[in-house]
Amino acid sequence: MTYYKIARIVNTFGIRGQLKILVDTDFMEERFKIGNILYILDGNKMCAKVQVASFAPHKGAYLVAFEDYHQINQVEGFKGMTLAIAEEDQAELEEGSYYHHQIKGLTVVDLAGTIIGKIKEILTLGSNDVWVVAPKDKHRKDLLLPFIDDVVKDVDLEKGLVTVDILEGLWDED
């Protein structure tokens, strides 16, 4: 089974089985909806299949609790592990929408086909995501690409390429 990591378990919280997590996923509300099934991974090994009982923001992180895990001693061993979803649990997306794991690592080229770099991170900000591109030229700063039609012209998952039009002022010449 293929899993996609969506959060890192950083600590326990309280004595009633809650876990403090750092979320790194798209569609957060959908992923952590009460009743959803998640998997706890230790490295790439699946340790537990769990069902979300509660999920809430807490001081820059999130708190999650699972059905049948009501005491701190039941969840302490999960610290440092990862929360994931199974590939088959992902919903089909509409045309032009992508999961983060599909985008991270793609090569970014400009309209002339010149390689700019690789997408290393995705920031979820307000109205649109921002793709962080590690430049091929290591002396340049990361490029922040807004995921909007004026900038992202084509995403070819099969070729692993994203074609972009870098608008004036988007990436300073160093």
C-alpha atoms as a PDB file:
ATOM      1  CA  MET A   1       0.000   0.000   0.000  1.00  0.00           C
ATOM      2  CA  THR A   2       1.243   3.498  -0.820  1.00  0.00           C
ATOM      3  CA  TYR A   3       0.984   6.187   1.866  1.00  0.00           C
ATOM      4  CA  TYR A   4       1.270   9.969   1.660  1.00  0.00           C
ATOM      5  CA  LYS A   5       2.552  11.794   4.725  1.00  0.00           C
ATOM      6  CA  ILE A   6       0.297  14.585   5.955  1.00  0.00           C
ATOM      7  CA  ALA A   7       1.614  15.467   9.434  1.00  0.00           C
ATOM      8  CA  ARG A   8       4.380  14.860  11.948  1.00  0.00           C
ATOM      9  CA  ILE A   9       3.519  13.871  15.515  1.00  0.00           C
ATOM     10  CA  VAL A  10       5.601  16.090  17.794  1.00  0.00           C
ATOM     11  CA  ASN A  11       4.215  15.381  21.253  1.00  0.00           C
ATOM     12  CA  THR A  12       1.334  14.291  23.417  1.00  0.00           C
ATOM     13  CA  PHE A  13      -1.073  16.852  24.858  1.00  0.00           C
ATOM     14  CA  GLY A  14      -2.859  16.412  28.159  1.00  0.00           C
ATOM     15  CA  ILE A  15      -3.713  13.013  29.584  1.00  0.00           C
ATOM     16  CA  ARG A  16      -6.665  12.042  27.375  1.00  0.00           C
ATOM     17  CA  GLY A  17      -4.807  10.741  24.336  1.00  0.00           C
ATOM     18  CA  GLN A  18      -4.481  13.914  22.271  1.00  0.00           C
ATOM     19  CA  LEU A  19      -1.440  14.407  20.058  1.00  0.00           C
ATOM     20  CA  LYS A  20       0.202  17.658  18.996  1.00  0.00           C
ATOM     21  CA  ILE A  21       0.975  17.549  15.269  1.00  0.00           C
ATOM     22  CA  LEU A  22       2.597  19.739  12.616  1.00  0.00           C
ATOM     23  CA  VAL A  23       0.490  19.513   9.476  1.00  0.00           C
ATOM     24  CA  ASP A  24       2.028  19.432   5.990  1.00  0.00           C
ATOM     25  CA  THR A  25      -0.790  18.702   3.595  1.00  0.00           C
ATOM     26  CA  ASP A  26      -3.267  20.114   1.171  1.00  0.00           C
ATOM     27  CA  PHE A  27      -7.003  19.830   1.859  1.00  0.00           C
ATOM     28  CA  MET A  28      -6.389  19.871   5.624  1.00  0.00           C
ATOM     29  CA  GLU A  29     -10.062  20.082   6.601  1.00  0.00           C
ATOM     30  CA  GLU A  30     -10.840  17.052   4.450  1.00  0.00           C
ATOM     31  CA  ARG A  31      -7.852  15.016   5.668  1.00  0.00           C
ATOM     32  CA  PHE A  32      -8.670  15.480   9.365  1.00  0.00           C
ATOM     33  CA  LYS A  33     -12.469  15.299   9.143  1.00  0.00           C
ATOM     34  CA  ILE A  34     -13.980  13.405  12.079  1.00  0.00           C
ATOM     35  CA  GLY A  35     -14.373   9.752  11.130  1.00  0.00           C
ATOM     36  CA  ASN A  36     -11.586   9.713   8.529  1.00  0.00           C
ATOM     37  CA  ILE A  37      -9.081   6.869   8.567  1.00  0.00           C
ATOM     38  CA  LEU A  38      -5.387   7.755   8.904  1.00  0.00           C
ATOM     39  CA  TYR A  39      -2.258   5.662   9.299  1.00  0.00           C
ATOM     40  CA  ILE A  40       0.576   6.123  11.768  1.00  0.00           C
ATOM     41  CA  LEU A  41       3.951   5.404  10.184  1.00  0.00           C
ATOM     42  CA  ASP A  42       7.311   4.788  11.821  1.00  0.00           C
ATOM     43  CA  GLY A  43       9.586   5.539   8.886  1.00  0.00           C
ATOM     44  CA  ASN A  44       7.825   3.684   6.067  1.00  0.00           C
ATOM     45  CA  LYS A  45       6.357   0.978   8.329  1.00  0.00           C
ATOM     46  CA  MET A  46       2.654   1.231   9.151  1.00  0.00           C
ATOM     47  CA  CYS A  47       2.181   0.951  12.937  1.00  0.00           C
ATOM     48  CA  ALA A  48      -1.495   1.741  13.422  1.00  0.00           C
ATOM     49  CA  LYS A  49      -4.691   2.439  11.514  1.00  0.00           C
ATOM     50  CA  VAL A  50      -6.645   5.144  13.368  1.00  0.00           C
ATOM     51  CA  GLN A  51      -9.923   7.032  13.045  1.00  0.00           C
ATOM     52  CA  VAL A  52     -10.055  10.792  13.682  1.00  0.00           C
ATOM     53  CA  ALA A  53     -12.180  11.662  16.737  1.00  0.00           C
ATOM     54  CA  SER A  54     -11.263  15.365  17.007  1.00  0.00           C
ATOM     55  CA  PHE A  55      -9.035  17.931  15.329  1.00  0.00           C
ATOM     56  CA  ALA A  56      -8.389  21.559  16.299  1.00  0.00           C
ATOM     57  CA  PRO A  57      -5.757  24.303  15.964  1.00  0.00           C
ATOM     58  CA  HIS A  58      -3.567  24.936  19.002  1.00  0.00           C
ATOM     59  CA  LYS A  59      -0.783  27.555  19.300  1.00  0.00           C
ATOM     60  CA  GLY A  60       0.716  27.264  15.817  1.00  0.00           C
ATOM     61  CA  ALA A  61       0.168  23.516  15.608  1.00  0.00           C
ATOM     62  CA  TYR A  62      -2.859  21.201  15.762  1.00  0.00           C
ATOM     63  CA  LEU A  63      -4.286  18.718  18.234  1.00  0.00           C
ATOM     64  CA  VAL A  64      -5.735  15.439  17.034  1.00  0.00           C
ATOM     65  CA  ALA A  65      -7.377  12.587  18.926  1.00  0.00           C
ATOM     66  CA  PHE A  66      -8.342   9.140  17.677  1.00  0.00           C
ATOM     67  CA  GLU A  67     -11.209   6.768  18.432  1.00  0.00           C
ATOM     68  CA  ASP A  68     -10.233   4.101  20.995  1.00  0.00           C
ATOM     69  CA  TYR A  69      -7.153   6.066  22.137  1.00  0.00           C
ATOM     70  CA  HIS A  70      -8.284   7.863  25.292  1.00  0.00           C
ATOM     71  CA  GLN A  71      -5.206   7.858  27.522  1.00  0.00           C
ATOM     72  CA  ILE A  72      -1.737   9.337  27.245  1.00  0.00           C
ATOM     73  CA  ASN A  73      -0.045   5.952  27.684  1.00  0.00           C
ATOM     74  CA  GLN A  74      -1.825   4.678  24.548  1.00  0.00           C
ATOM     75  CA  VAL A  75      -0.337   7.414  22.335  1.00  0.00           C
ATOM     76  CA  GLU A  76       3.060   8.225  23.902  1.00  0.00           C
ATOM     77  CA  GLY A  77       4.813   5.769  21.612  1.00  0.00           C
ATOM     78  CA  PHE A  78       3.583   7.691  18.552  1.00  0.00           C
ATOM     79  CA  LYS A  79       5.808  10.734  19.282  1.00  0.00           C
ATOM     80  CA  GLY A  80       8.173  11.357  16.377  1.00  0.00           C
ATOM     81  CA  MET A  81       6.099   9.275  13.973  1.00  0.00           C
ATOM     82  CA  THR A  82       4.152  10.413  10.929  1.00  0.00           C
ATOM     83  CA  LEU A  83       0.455  10.585  10.073  1.00  0.00           C
ATOM     84  CA  ALA A  84      -0.429   9.517   6.547  1.00  0.00           C
ATOM     85  CA  ILE A  85      -3.308   8.746   4.237  1.00  0.00           C
ATOM     86  CA  ALA A  86      -3.519   5.773   1.906  1.00  0.00           C
ATOM     87  CA  GLU A  87      -3.339   6.421  -1.818  1.00  0.00           C
ATOM     88  CA  GLU A  88      -6.742   4.827  -2.412  1.00  0.00           C
ATOM     89  CA  ASP A  89      -8.332   7.220   0.110  1.00  0.00           C
ATOM     90  CA  GLN A  90      -7.526  10.263  -2.017  1.00  0.00           C
ATOM     91  CA  ALA A  91     -10.421  11.819  -3.882  1.00  0.00           C
ATOM     92  CA  GLU A  92     -10.231  12.461  -7.607  1.00  0.00           C
ATOM     93  CA  LEU A  93      -9.378  16.090  -8.319  1.00  0.00           C
ATOM     94  CA  GLU A  94     -10.832  18.312 -10.995  1.00  0.00           C
ATOM     95  CA  GLU A  95      -8.727  19.216 -14.030  1.00  0.00           C
ATOM     96  CA  GLY A  96      -5.952  21.668 -13.134  1.00  0.00           C
ATOM     97  CA  SER A  97      -5.863  20.727  -9.437  1.00  0.00           C
ATOM     98  CA  TYR A  98      -3.031  18.707  -7.921  1.00  0.00           C
ATOM     99  CA  TYR A  99      -2.031  17.082  -4.673  1.00  0.00           C
ATOM    100  CA  HIS A 100       1.106  18.444  -3.023  1.00  0.00           C
ATOM    101  CA  HIS A 101       2.936  15.139  -3.420  1.00  0.00           C
ATOM    102  CA  GLN A 102       2.359  15.334  -7.191  1.00  0.00           C
ATOM    103  CA  ILE A 103       3.959  18.790  -7.423  1.00  0.00           C
ATOM    104  CA  LYS A 104       6.925  18.557  -5.039  1.00  0.00           C
ATOM    105  CA  GLY A 105      10.070  17.600  -6.907  1.00  0.00           C
ATOM    106  CA  LEU A 106       8.882  18.663 -10.373  1.00  0.00           C
ATOM    107  CA  THR A 107      11.333  20.546 -12.580  1.00  0.00           C
ATOM    108  CA  VAL A 108      10.370  24.141 -13.382  1.00  0.00           C
ATOM    109  CA  VAL A 109      11.182  25.600 -16.810  1.00  0.00           C
ATOM    110  CA  ASP A 110      10.497  29.004 -18.325  1.00  0.00           C
ATOM    111  CA  LEU A 111       8.629  29.591 -21.591  1.00  0.00           C
ATOM    112  CA  ALA A 112      11.875  29.092 -23.546  1.00  0.00           C
ATOM    113  CA  GLY A 113      12.421  25.691 -21.892  1.00  0.00           C
ATOM    114  CA  THR A 114      15.338  26.831 -19.712  1.00  0.00           C
ATOM    115  CA  ILE A 115      15.513  24.916 -16.428  1.00  0.00           C
ATOM    116  CA  ILE A 116      14.943  27.198 -13.444  1.00  0.00           C
ATOM    117  CA  GLY A 117      14.971  24.632 -10.628  1.00  0.00           C
ATOM    118  CA  LYS A 118      12.842  22.135  -8.698  1.00  0.00           C
ATOM    119  CA  ILE A 119       9.776  22.632  -6.520  1.00  0.00           C
ATOM    120  CA  LYS A 120      10.843  21.914  -2.945  1.00  0.00           C
ATOM    121  CA  GLU A 121       7.915  23.156  -0.892  1.00  0.00           C
ATOM    122  CA  ILE A 122       4.334  24.356  -1.188  1.00  0.00           C
ATOM    123  CA  LEU A 123       2.995  27.179   0.967  1.00  0.00           C
ATOM    124  CA  THR A 124      -0.760  27.372   1.452  1.00  0.00           C
ATOM    125  CA  LEU A 125      -1.555  31.069   1.715  1.00  0.00           C
ATOM    126  CA  GLY A 126      -4.953  32.683   1.424  1.00  0.00           C
ATOM    127  CA  SER A 127      -6.407  32.565  -2.061  1.00  0.00           C
ATOM    128  CA  ASN A 128      -3.738  30.440  -3.766  1.00  0.00           C
ATOM    129  CA  ASP A 129      -0.780  28.181  -3.063  1.00  0.00           C
ATOM    130  CA  VAL A 130       2.780  29.411  -3.539  1.00  0.00           C
ATOM    131  CA  TRP A 131       5.349  26.961  -4.895  1.00  0.00           C
ATOM    132  CA  VAL A 132       8.873  27.372  -3.521  1.00  0.00           C
ATOM    133  CA  VAL A 133      11.435  26.606  -6.225  1.00  0.00           C
ATOM    134  CA  ALA A 134      15.038  25.765  -5.346  1.00  0.00           C
ATOM    135  CA  PRO A 135      16.975  27.374  -8.221  1.00  0.00           C
ATOM    136  CA  LYS A 136      19.370  25.403 -10.409  1.00  0.00           C
ATOM    137  CA  ASP A 137      21.835  28.262  -9.849  1.00  0.00           C
ATOM    138  CA  LYS A 138      22.674  27.767  -6.159  1.00  0.00           C
ATOM    139  CA  HIS A 139      23.784  31.430  -5.849  1.00  0.00           C
ATOM    140  CA  ARG A 140      20.220  32.655  -6.372  1.00  0.00           C
ATOM    141  CA  LYS A 141      17.462  32.899  -3.803  1.00  0.00           C
ATOM    142  CA  ASP A 142      14.454  30.580  -3.863  1.00  0.00           C
ATOM    143  CA  LEU A 143      11.773  31.573  -6.348  1.00  0.00           C
ATOM    144  CA  LEU A 144       8.262  31.959  -4.936  1.00  0.00           C
ATOM    145  CA  LEU A 145       5.752  31.082  -7.660  1.00  0.00           C
ATOM    146  CA  PRO A 146       2.076  31.821  -7.077  1.00  0.00           C
ATOM    147  CA  PHE A 147      -0.075  28.999  -8.453  1.00  0.00           C
ATOM    148  CA  ILE A 148      -2.145  31.217 -10.761  1.00  0.00           C
ATOM    149  CA  ASP A 149      -2.906  30.989 -14.487  1.00  0.00           C
ATOM    150  CA  ASP A 150      -0.803  34.070 -15.334  1.00  0.00           C
ATOM    151  CA  VAL A 151       2.320  32.337 -13.969  1.00  0.00           C
ATOM    152  CA  VAL A 152       1.856  28.556 -14.212  1.00  0.00           C
ATOM    153  CA  LYS A 153       1.235  27.818 -17.880  1.00  0.00           C
ATOM    154  CA  ASP A 154       1.463  23.998 -17.913  1.00  0.00           C
ATOM    155  CA  VAL A 155       1.898  21.110 -15.494  1.00  0.00           C
ATOM    156  CA  ASP A 156       2.995  17.841 -17.124  1.00  0.00           C
ATOM    157  CA  LEU A 157       3.067  15.170 -14.424  1.00  0.00           C
ATOM    158  CA  GLU A 158       4.215  12.458 -16.850  1.00  0.00           C
ATOM    159  CA  LYS A 159       7.284  14.455 -17.920  1.00  0.00           C
ATOM    160  CA  GLY A 160       7.788  15.919 -14.440  1.00  0.00           C
ATOM    161  CA  LEU A 161       7.768  19.484 -15.810  1.00  0.00           C
ATOM    162  CA  VAL A 162       6.077  22.740 -14.888  1.00  0.00           C
ATOM    163  CA  THR A 163       6.237  25.529 -17.478  1.00  0.00           C
ATOM    164  CA  VAL A 164       6.018  29.029 -16.047  1.00  0.00           C
ATOM    165  CA  ASP A 165       5.977  32.631 -17.199  1.00  0.00           C
ATOM    166  CA  ILE A 166       8.034  34.555 -14.666  1.00  0.00           C
ATOM    167  CA  LEU A 167       6.372  37.936 -14.481  1.00  0.00           C
ATOM    168  CA  GLU A 168       8.521  41.043 -14.066  1.00  0.00           C
ATOM    169  CA  GLY A 169       9.514  41.559 -10.439  1.00  0.00           C
ATOM    170  CA  LEU A 170       8.655  37.991  -9.425  1.00  0.00           C
ATOM    171  CA  TRP A 171      12.288  36.905  -9.267  1.00  0.00           C
ATOM    172  CA  ASP A 172      14.942  39.525  -8.715  1.00  0.00           C
ATOM    173  CA  GLU A 173      18.057  39.409 -10.839  1.00  0.00           C
ATOM    174  CA  ASP A 174      20.938  38.946  -8.405  1.00  0.00           C
END
